Protein backbone atom coordinates (compact mmCIF):
# COMPACT_ATOMS: atom_id res chain seq x y z
CA MET A 1 0.00 0.00 0.00
CA GLU A 2 1.38 3.39 -0.95
CA GLY A 3 0.26 6.75 0.41
CA ASP A 4 0.02 10.14 -1.28
CA ASP A 5 3.59 10.94 -0.33
CA GLY A 6 4.96 7.83 -1.98
CA LEU A 7 5.74 5.95 1.22
CA ASN A 8 5.32 2.20 0.94
CA SER A 9 3.96 0.74 4.18
CA ASP A 10 4.93 -2.79 3.09
CA LYS A 11 8.63 -1.95 3.40
CA VAL A 12 10.57 -2.29 6.64
CA VAL A 13 9.81 0.79 8.72
CA ALA A 14 11.32 1.45 12.15
CA PRO A 15 9.70 3.79 14.72
CA ALA A 16 11.79 6.46 16.42
CA LEU A 17 12.93 5.61 19.96
CA LEU A 18 13.80 7.83 22.94
CA ALA A 19 15.74 7.12 26.15
CA LEU A 20 16.61 9.38 29.08
CA HIS A 21 19.58 9.05 31.42
CA PRO A 22 18.34 8.23 34.95
CA LEU A 23 20.00 11.39 36.30
CA CYS A 24 18.95 13.53 33.33
CA LYS A 25 22.50 13.81 31.98
CA PHE A 26 21.62 12.71 28.46
CA VAL A 27 18.69 12.24 26.12
CA VAL A 28 19.06 9.83 23.20
CA VAL A 29 16.91 9.46 20.09
CA CYS A 30 17.33 6.58 17.64
CA VAL A 31 15.72 6.53 14.22
CA GLY A 32 16.61 3.82 11.75
CA SER A 33 20.34 3.12 12.12
CA GLN A 34 21.05 6.63 13.43
CA LEU A 35 21.98 7.27 17.06
CA ARG A 36 21.56 10.89 18.22
CA ALA A 37 22.55 11.94 21.75
CA TYR A 38 22.46 15.28 23.57
CA ASN A 39 24.21 16.29 26.82
CA LEU A 40 21.58 18.04 28.95
CA LEU A 41 24.12 19.22 31.54
CA GLY A 42 26.72 20.48 29.09
CA LYS A 43 24.04 21.68 26.64
CA CYS A 44 25.88 20.24 23.67
CA GLN A 45 25.66 17.46 21.14
CA VAL A 46 27.31 14.16 22.10
CA ASP A 47 29.96 12.76 19.77
CA VAL A 48 29.05 9.08 19.62
CA LYS A 49 32.31 7.17 19.00
CA TYR A 50 32.44 3.94 17.02
CA PRO A 51 35.72 1.96 16.91
CA SER A 52 35.46 1.94 13.11
CA ALA A 53 33.05 2.80 10.32
CA GLN A 54 32.24 -0.90 9.97
CA SER A 55 31.11 -1.09 13.62
CA ARG A 56 28.12 1.22 13.13
CA HIS A 57 24.61 -0.16 13.08
CA GLU A 58 23.82 -1.19 9.53
CA GLU A 59 20.08 -1.70 9.94
CA ALA A 60 17.28 -0.23 12.06
CA ILE A 61 17.82 0.07 15.81
CA ARG A 62 14.80 -1.46 17.57
CA THR A 63 15.67 -1.06 21.26
CA ILE A 64 17.74 1.31 23.43
CA THR A 65 18.17 1.26 27.22
CA PHE A 66 20.21 2.96 29.97
CA SER A 67 21.41 0.95 32.96
CA GLY A 68 19.98 1.78 36.39
CA GLU A 69 22.77 4.15 37.41
CA GLY A 70 23.26 5.42 33.85
CA LYS A 71 26.88 4.35 33.33
CA LEU A 72 25.96 1.96 30.52
CA PHE A 73 23.77 2.19 27.43
CA VAL A 74 22.75 -0.49 24.95
CA SER A 75 21.46 -0.37 21.38
CA ALA A 76 20.39 -3.31 19.23
CA GLY A 77 18.14 -4.14 16.30
CA ASP A 78 17.73 -5.60 12.85
CA ASP A 79 21.45 -5.96 12.06
CA LYS A 80 21.66 -8.51 14.93
CA HIS A 81 24.32 -6.41 16.67
CA VAL A 82 24.04 -5.71 20.40
CA LYS A 83 26.25 -2.74 21.27
CA LEU A 84 27.23 -1.73 24.79
CA TRP A 85 28.27 1.89 25.39
CA ASP A 86 30.18 3.68 28.15
CA THR A 87 28.21 6.89 28.76
CA GLU A 88 31.23 8.72 30.22
CA THR A 89 33.04 8.61 26.89
CA TRP A 90 30.22 7.45 24.60
CA GLN A 91 32.48 4.80 23.14
CA CYS A 92 31.18 1.43 22.00
CA THR A 93 32.96 -0.92 24.42
CA LYS A 94 31.43 -4.27 23.50
CA THR A 95 29.68 -5.71 20.46
CA VAL A 96 27.87 -9.04 20.41
CA HIS A 97 26.51 -10.68 17.28
CA ALA A 98 23.06 -12.17 17.93
CA SER A 99 21.69 -15.07 15.91
CA LYS A 100 18.34 -13.33 15.24
CA LYS A 101 17.04 -9.77 15.02
CA VAL A 102 16.86 -8.18 18.47
CA SER A 103 13.53 -6.84 19.71
CA ALA A 104 14.07 -5.85 23.39
CA THR A 105 16.82 -5.19 25.95
CA ALA A 106 17.14 -4.68 29.71
CA PHE A 107 19.82 -4.45 32.40
CA SER A 108 19.74 -6.37 35.66
CA CYS A 109 19.15 -4.22 38.75
CA ASP A 110 22.88 -4.27 39.60
CA SER A 111 23.86 -3.67 35.94
CA LYS A 112 26.13 -6.73 35.97
CA TRP A 113 24.05 -8.43 33.29
CA LEU A 114 22.58 -7.30 30.01
CA LEU A 115 19.54 -9.20 28.75
CA TYR A 116 18.33 -9.09 25.17
CA ALA A 117 15.43 -10.81 23.39
CA ASP A 118 15.08 -11.73 19.75
CA LYS A 119 12.22 -12.24 17.33
CA PHE A 120 12.43 -16.01 17.76
CA GLY A 121 11.28 -15.65 21.38
CA VAL A 122 14.61 -16.30 23.14
CA VAL A 123 16.12 -14.15 25.90
CA TYR A 124 19.91 -14.16 26.29
CA ALA A 125 22.13 -12.95 29.13
CA MET A 126 25.65 -11.57 28.84
CA SER A 127 28.07 -10.01 31.31
CA THR A 128 28.63 -6.27 31.05
CA LYS A 129 32.27 -6.62 32.17
CA LEU A 130 34.97 -6.02 29.59
CA GLN A 131 37.30 -8.90 28.92
CA GLY A 132 39.64 -6.58 27.06
CA GLU A 133 39.69 -3.84 29.68
CA GLY A 134 43.00 -1.97 29.76
CA LEU A 135 43.99 -3.05 26.26
CA ALA A 136 44.28 -0.80 23.23
CA SER A 137 41.01 -2.16 21.88
CA SER A 138 38.32 -3.10 24.41
CA VAL A 139 35.78 -4.30 21.86
CA VAL A 140 35.35 -8.02 22.43
CA LEU A 141 33.05 -10.74 21.24
CA ASP A 142 31.31 -12.51 24.14
CA GLN A 143 29.24 -15.65 23.93
CA PRO A 144 25.79 -14.93 25.45
CA VAL A 145 23.88 -17.69 27.24
CA ASN A 146 20.29 -18.75 26.67
CA LEU A 147 18.29 -17.51 29.66
CA LEU A 148 14.67 -18.34 28.78
CA ALA A 149 12.37 -18.71 25.78
CA HIS A 150 8.78 -17.99 24.69
CA CYS A 151 8.25 -20.92 22.30
CA CYS A 152 8.86 -19.10 19.00
CA SER A 153 6.71 -16.07 19.91
CA ILE A 154 8.13 -12.60 19.21
CA ILE A 155 9.10 -10.90 22.48
CA THR A 156 7.91 -7.30 22.34
CA SER A 157 9.13 -5.97 25.68
CA LEU A 158 11.58 -7.01 28.41
CA LYS A 159 12.01 -5.60 31.93
CA CYS A 160 13.87 -6.46 35.15
CA THR A 161 12.28 -5.41 38.44
CA ALA A 162 14.20 -2.93 40.61
CA ASP A 163 14.38 -5.39 43.51
CA GLY A 164 16.21 -7.89 41.31
CA LYS A 165 13.67 -10.66 41.85
CA PHE A 166 11.99 -11.02 38.48
CA ILE A 167 12.36 -10.83 34.72
CA VAL A 168 9.15 -9.77 32.94
CA THR A 169 8.69 -10.55 29.25
CA ALA A 170 5.74 -9.75 26.97
CA ASP A 171 5.03 -11.35 23.62
CA ARG A 172 2.94 -11.47 20.49
CA ASP A 173 0.76 -14.28 21.83
CA PHE A 174 -1.20 -12.09 24.28
CA LYS A 175 0.78 -13.13 27.38
CA ILE A 176 3.19 -11.67 29.92
CA ARG A 177 5.58 -14.07 31.64
CA VAL A 178 7.11 -13.45 35.08
CA SER A 179 10.31 -15.44 35.63
CA VAL A 180 12.51 -15.58 38.74
CA PHE A 181 15.85 -13.88 38.17
CA PRO A 182 18.40 -16.64 38.80
CA LYS A 183 21.35 -16.33 41.15
CA ASP A 184 23.55 -17.44 38.26
CA PRO A 185 22.17 -16.33 34.88
CA LEU A 186 24.69 -18.60 33.16
CA GLN A 187 22.55 -21.53 34.33
CA GLY A 188 19.34 -20.13 32.81
CA ALA A 189 16.07 -18.85 34.32
CA HIS A 190 14.03 -22.02 34.64
CA GLU A 191 11.64 -20.95 37.42
CA ILE A 192 8.41 -19.30 36.18
CA GLU A 193 6.59 -17.27 38.84
CA GLY A 194 3.43 -16.85 36.78
CA PHE A 195 1.70 -15.60 33.64
CA CYS A 196 -0.27 -12.35 33.39
CA LEU A 197 -3.16 -13.35 31.14
CA GLY A 198 -5.95 -11.00 30.04
CA HIS A 199 -4.98 -9.18 26.86
CA THR A 200 -6.96 -10.31 23.83
CA SER A 201 -4.35 -9.21 21.28
CA PHE A 202 -0.57 -8.79 21.20
CA VAL A 203 1.10 -7.11 24.18
CA SER A 204 3.01 -4.18 22.70
CA CYS A 205 4.66 -2.63 25.78
CA ILE A 206 5.16 -3.02 29.54
CA ALA A 207 6.53 -0.79 32.31
CA CYS A 208 7.34 -1.61 35.95
CA ILE A 209 6.23 0.52 38.88
CA ASP A 210 9.21 0.31 41.23
CA VAL A 211 8.54 2.64 44.17
CA GLY A 212 9.36 0.44 47.16
CA LEU A 213 5.97 -1.24 47.41
CA LYS A 214 5.61 -4.59 49.16
CA SER A 215 4.32 -5.99 45.89
CA GLN A 216 5.78 -4.80 42.60
CA LEU A 217 3.28 -3.53 40.01
CA LEU A 218 3.31 -3.71 36.23
CA VAL A 219 1.55 -1.69 33.53
CA SER A 220 0.93 -3.18 30.09
CA GLY A 221 -0.57 -2.01 26.80
CA GLY A 222 -1.70 -4.05 23.84
CA GLY A 223 -3.26 -4.29 20.44
CA ASP A 224 -6.66 -4.71 22.11
CA GLY A 225 -6.65 -1.01 23.07
CA THR A 226 -6.41 -1.62 26.81
CA VAL A 227 -3.99 -0.54 29.53
CA ARG A 228 -3.80 -3.07 32.36
CA LEU A 229 -2.38 -2.95 35.89
CA TRP A 230 -0.91 -6.14 37.38
CA GLU A 231 0.64 -7.38 40.60
CA ILE A 232 3.85 -9.01 39.42
CA GLU A 233 4.51 -11.64 42.08
CA THR A 234 1.01 -13.13 41.96
CA ALA A 235 0.40 -12.32 38.24
CA THR A 236 -2.95 -10.83 39.29
CA LEU A 237 -4.89 -8.41 37.10
CA LEU A 238 -5.81 -5.42 39.27
CA ASP A 239 -7.44 -2.97 36.86
CA THR A 240 -8.12 -2.33 33.16
CA VAL A 241 -8.69 0.90 31.23
CA ASP A 242 -10.08 0.66 27.70
CA VAL A 243 -8.79 3.66 25.71
CA ARG A 244 -10.87 3.00 22.61
CA ASP A 245 -13.61 5.30 23.87
CA GLU A 246 -11.04 8.11 24.11
CA VAL A 247 -10.02 7.59 20.50
CA GLY A 248 -13.71 7.58 19.63
CA ILE A 249 -14.19 10.90 21.42
CA ALA A 250 -11.35 12.38 19.38
CA ASP A 251 -13.01 11.26 16.16
CA GLY A 252 -16.57 11.94 17.29
CA ASN A 253 -17.55 8.39 16.38
CA PHE A 254 -17.94 5.63 18.96
CA GLU A 255 -19.29 2.97 16.61
CA SER A 256 -16.80 3.12 13.76
CA ASP A 257 -14.95 -0.14 13.11
CA ALA A 258 -11.98 1.90 11.93
CA VAL A 259 -11.78 3.57 15.35
CA ILE A 260 -11.80 0.23 17.15
CA GLN A 261 -9.16 -1.24 14.82
CA ALA A 262 -6.93 1.87 15.05
CA SER A 263 -6.49 1.97 18.82
CA ALA A 264 -3.49 -0.22 19.58
CA ILE A 265 -1.31 1.00 22.45
CA THR A 266 2.04 2.01 20.97
CA CYS A 267 3.96 2.92 24.16
CA VAL A 268 3.54 3.35 27.91
CA CYS A 269 5.77 4.86 30.60
CA VAL A 270 5.52 5.47 34.34
CA SER A 271 6.60 8.52 36.34
CA CYS A 272 9.39 8.10 38.88
CA ASP A 273 6.95 8.14 41.82
CA GLY A 274 4.63 5.66 40.12
CA SER A 275 1.58 7.91 40.31
CA LEU A 276 1.29 8.82 36.61
CA ILE A 277 1.16 6.73 33.47
CA ALA A 278 1.53 8.18 29.98
CA VAL A 279 0.00 6.23 27.10
CA GLY A 280 0.55 6.55 23.37
CA VAL A 281 -2.32 5.32 21.20
CA GLU A 282 -2.39 4.68 17.50
CA SER A 283 -4.24 7.46 15.62
CA LEU A 284 -4.22 9.79 18.66
CA ASP A 285 -2.29 13.02 18.00
CA GLY A 286 -1.05 13.34 21.55
CA VAL A 287 -0.96 11.34 24.74
CA LEU A 288 -3.32 10.00 27.43
CA PHE A 289 -2.46 10.47 31.10
CA LEU A 290 -3.69 7.99 33.71
CA LYS A 291 -3.46 8.28 37.47
CA CYS A 292 -2.28 5.20 39.33
CA ASP A 293 -3.60 5.07 42.89
CA LEU A 294 -0.93 3.01 44.65
CA LYS A 295 -3.14 2.40 47.71
CA SER A 296 -6.24 1.12 45.96
CA LYS A 297 -4.20 -0.17 42.98
CA ARG A 298 -6.57 1.36 40.46
CA LEU A 299 -6.16 3.37 37.25
CA MET A 300 -8.09 6.52 36.40
CA LEU A 301 -8.04 8.68 33.27
CA LEU A 302 -6.75 12.19 34.03
CA GLN A 303 -6.33 13.98 30.72
CA LYS A 304 -6.19 13.54 26.98
CA LEU A 305 -3.58 15.98 25.74
CA VAL A 306 -3.67 16.78 22.02
CA LEU A 307 -0.21 18.10 21.20
CA ALA A 308 -0.28 18.94 17.51
CA GLU A 309 -1.74 17.70 14.28
CA HIS A 310 0.03 14.55 13.10
CA PHE A 311 2.00 14.08 16.37
CA CYS A 312 1.54 10.39 17.25
CA PRO A 313 4.32 9.49 19.74
CA THR A 314 6.29 6.33 19.01
CA SER A 315 8.31 6.44 22.25
CA MET A 316 8.19 8.39 25.52
CA GLN A 317 9.74 8.59 29.00
CA PHE A 318 9.36 10.61 32.20
CA ASP A 319 12.48 12.25 33.64
CA LYS A 320 13.26 12.60 37.35
CA ASN A 321 11.73 16.12 37.38
CA GLY A 322 8.36 14.91 36.14
CA TRP A 323 8.73 16.14 32.56
CA LEU A 324 7.53 13.80 29.83
CA TRP A 325 9.76 13.52 26.76
CA LEU A 326 8.14 12.24 23.57
CA VAL A 327 9.29 11.49 20.05
CA ALA A 328 7.24 10.89 16.90
CA GLY A 329 8.57 9.70 13.59
CA ALA A 330 10.27 6.74 11.95
CA ALA A 331 12.80 5.65 9.36
CA GLN A 332 12.32 3.83 6.08
CA LYS A 333 14.88 2.64 3.56
CA THR A 334 14.25 3.79 0.01
CA ASP A 335 14.79 1.74 -3.13
CA SER A 336 18.20 3.36 -3.49
CA CYS A 337 19.12 2.02 0.00
CA LYS A 338 19.15 5.54 1.42
CA GLU A 339 17.51 5.97 4.80
CA ASN A 340 14.56 8.35 4.97
CA ALA A 341 14.48 9.24 8.68
CA VAL A 342 12.30 11.91 10.29
CA THR A 343 11.75 12.65 13.99
CA TRP A 344 9.88 15.23 16.03
CA VAL A 345 10.62 15.65 19.77
CA LYS A 346 8.35 17.36 22.31
CA VAL A 347 8.44 17.89 26.07
CA VAL A 348 5.41 18.09 28.39
CA SER A 349 5.22 19.24 32.01
CA SER A 350 2.47 19.21 34.62
CA SER A 351 1.19 21.56 37.28
CA LEU A 352 1.85 20.81 40.94
CA ASP A 353 -1.82 20.62 41.89
CA ASP A 354 -3.53 17.55 43.31
CA THR A 355 -5.07 17.07 39.87
CA PRO A 356 -2.22 17.96 37.51
CA VAL A 357 -2.80 19.60 34.13
CA PHE A 358 -0.29 18.74 31.41
CA THR A 359 0.96 21.34 28.93
CA PRO A 360 3.84 21.51 26.41
CA VAL A 361 7.07 23.04 27.73
CA GLU A 362 8.21 26.27 26.08
CA LEU A 363 11.40 26.10 24.02
CA GLU A 364 13.36 28.52 26.23
CA SER A 365 12.70 26.38 29.33
CA ILE A 366 14.34 23.27 27.87
CA PRO A 367 18.12 22.81 28.41
CA GLY A 368 19.84 23.62 25.12
CA GLY A 369 16.70 24.99 23.52
CA SER A 370 16.85 24.99 19.74
CA LEU A 371 20.24 23.20 19.67
CA LEU A 372 18.74 20.22 21.48
CA PHE A 373 15.95 19.89 18.94
CA GLU A 374 18.32 20.37 16.02
CA THR A 375 20.43 17.51 17.39
CA LEU A 376 17.57 15.13 18.11
CA ASP A 377 15.30 15.99 15.19
CA GLY A 378 18.09 16.07 12.61
CA THR A 379 18.11 18.23 9.51
CA ASP A 380 14.75 17.06 8.19
CA SER A 381 11.89 17.64 10.64
CA ASP A 382 9.01 17.87 8.18
CA VAL A 383 5.81 17.26 10.15
CA ASN A 384 3.91 15.52 7.36
CA LYS A 385 6.80 13.16 6.68
CA ALA A 386 7.11 12.39 10.41
CA PHE A 387 3.41 11.56 10.59
CA ALA A 388 3.43 9.43 7.45
CA LEU A 389 6.47 7.44 8.54
CA ALA A 390 5.17 6.97 12.11
CA GLU A 391 1.84 5.76 10.72
CA ALA A 392 3.65 3.34 8.40
CA ALA A 393 5.74 2.08 11.35
CA THR A 394 2.59 1.42 13.40
CA ILE A 395 0.99 -0.46 10.52
CA ALA A 396 4.17 -2.53 10.10
CA MET A 397 4.19 -3.34 13.82
CA LYS A 398 0.54 -4.43 13.78
CA ASN A 399 1.05 -6.56 10.67
CA GLU A 400 3.96 -8.33 12.34
CA LEU A 401 2.41 -8.82 15.78
CA SER A 402 -1.25 -9.45 14.94
CA LYS A 403 -2.16 -13.13 14.79
CA ARG A 404 -3.41 -14.03 11.34
CA GLN A 405 -6.85 -15.64 11.12
CA TYR A 406 -7.43 -18.37 8.54
CA SER A 407 -10.50 -20.26 7.44
CA ASN A 408 -10.53 -24.05 7.78
CA GLU A 409 -10.11 -24.40 4.00
CA HIS A 410 -7.16 -22.00 3.95
CA ARG A 411 -5.58 -23.75 6.94
CA GLU A 412 -5.78 -27.15 5.22
CA PHE A 413 -4.35 -25.66 2.04
CA ARG A 414 -1.38 -24.23 3.98
CA LYS A 415 -0.75 -27.61 5.61
CA ARG A 416 -0.46 -29.27 2.21
CA LEU A 417 2.18 -26.73 1.17
CA ARG A 418 4.35 -27.14 4.28
CA ASN A 419 7.90 -28.24 3.56
CA ASP A 420 8.93 -29.07 7.13
CA LYS A 421 7.31 -32.50 7.30
CA LYS A 422 9.66 -35.12 8.68
CA LEU A 423 10.75 -37.78 6.25
CA GLN A 424 9.80 -41.29 7.31
CA ARG A 425 12.81 -43.32 8.29
CA LYS A 426 13.37 -46.37 6.17
CA VAL A 427 13.29 -49.62 8.13
């Protein structure tokens, strides 16, 4: 399918990603194979250092993550390269070659282990220590170990709880798995604590609420248009908010099938104190804010903030000051193998009232101002292109994660064409 601007939604399209340093030292935006970083304290662009031109990401980056204390950063994606970065120097200190395309990453709570998941449903663990430390070249090739697997289902999101007890993984097959973090990851994570079951379509994103509660909480969003709150240890569903009505309000049509089909949750994030949840929804030019009552363990809609026409966030994160950073846009490779990448970054703040009101932050109040946006948005920040690419990225995600439905006749026809049937052994 091709739109008016010539973009082909059937091609590989990668949504823009955003990550914030835990102490607000850096903000990073990835779009396609490009890695853009800005120093919020020094108010300057970060020079990301690769050991060589060949060590750059060759394909789309699909996941980026800072470690808990912010000393490490990881990027990985379609080129099957997992790259570990030292955020003091922004040098790539370790590169691992995965066997499949990487879909999610996370650090253990002590940052000693890096976990990454691939599109075959396997989670691997690798040490973050440098074997070549002190040598002229510290880039080494480690052999990751198989930690757990999801039986050939694409893993969409991966998190480690702040208390170090659990690994939480979400997948295409509507489920969220809670596994016990092993004492020795080299031996694998064989103990399953439970499954969070309730979504009726793919689970697109998860976020942990780590605020020192007796029971850790989890927020999830999915292709069914719902945001769900869970208790991690017992895998109990605590509350559900269906956002499809909010999309319907925006369009003035509650009964439209198109509205129902175009309401997948694209991203969720939780404020540092766990009281606020920001939600990105397909076809919503802005963001939904939910209140999380930590005592009653319930979710409540606070505000639907429409930011600008064609601004559908593809990634977002709260900083330690309560500001919400959002990015919209995506990257697509053209027929000439050139990368068409467009991003659009915005920042939102809230009032200090009991019932906060969220508004966009003025340019002069953001560290670095126009230089920050020039660094993160790049040279091409055309709004229409950003919208078209982000929409194409969402369609590509849904096509990949949505379970295909076949009639009985079609299913039998597909069985006859299978080429993986085992040959009978001759006696």
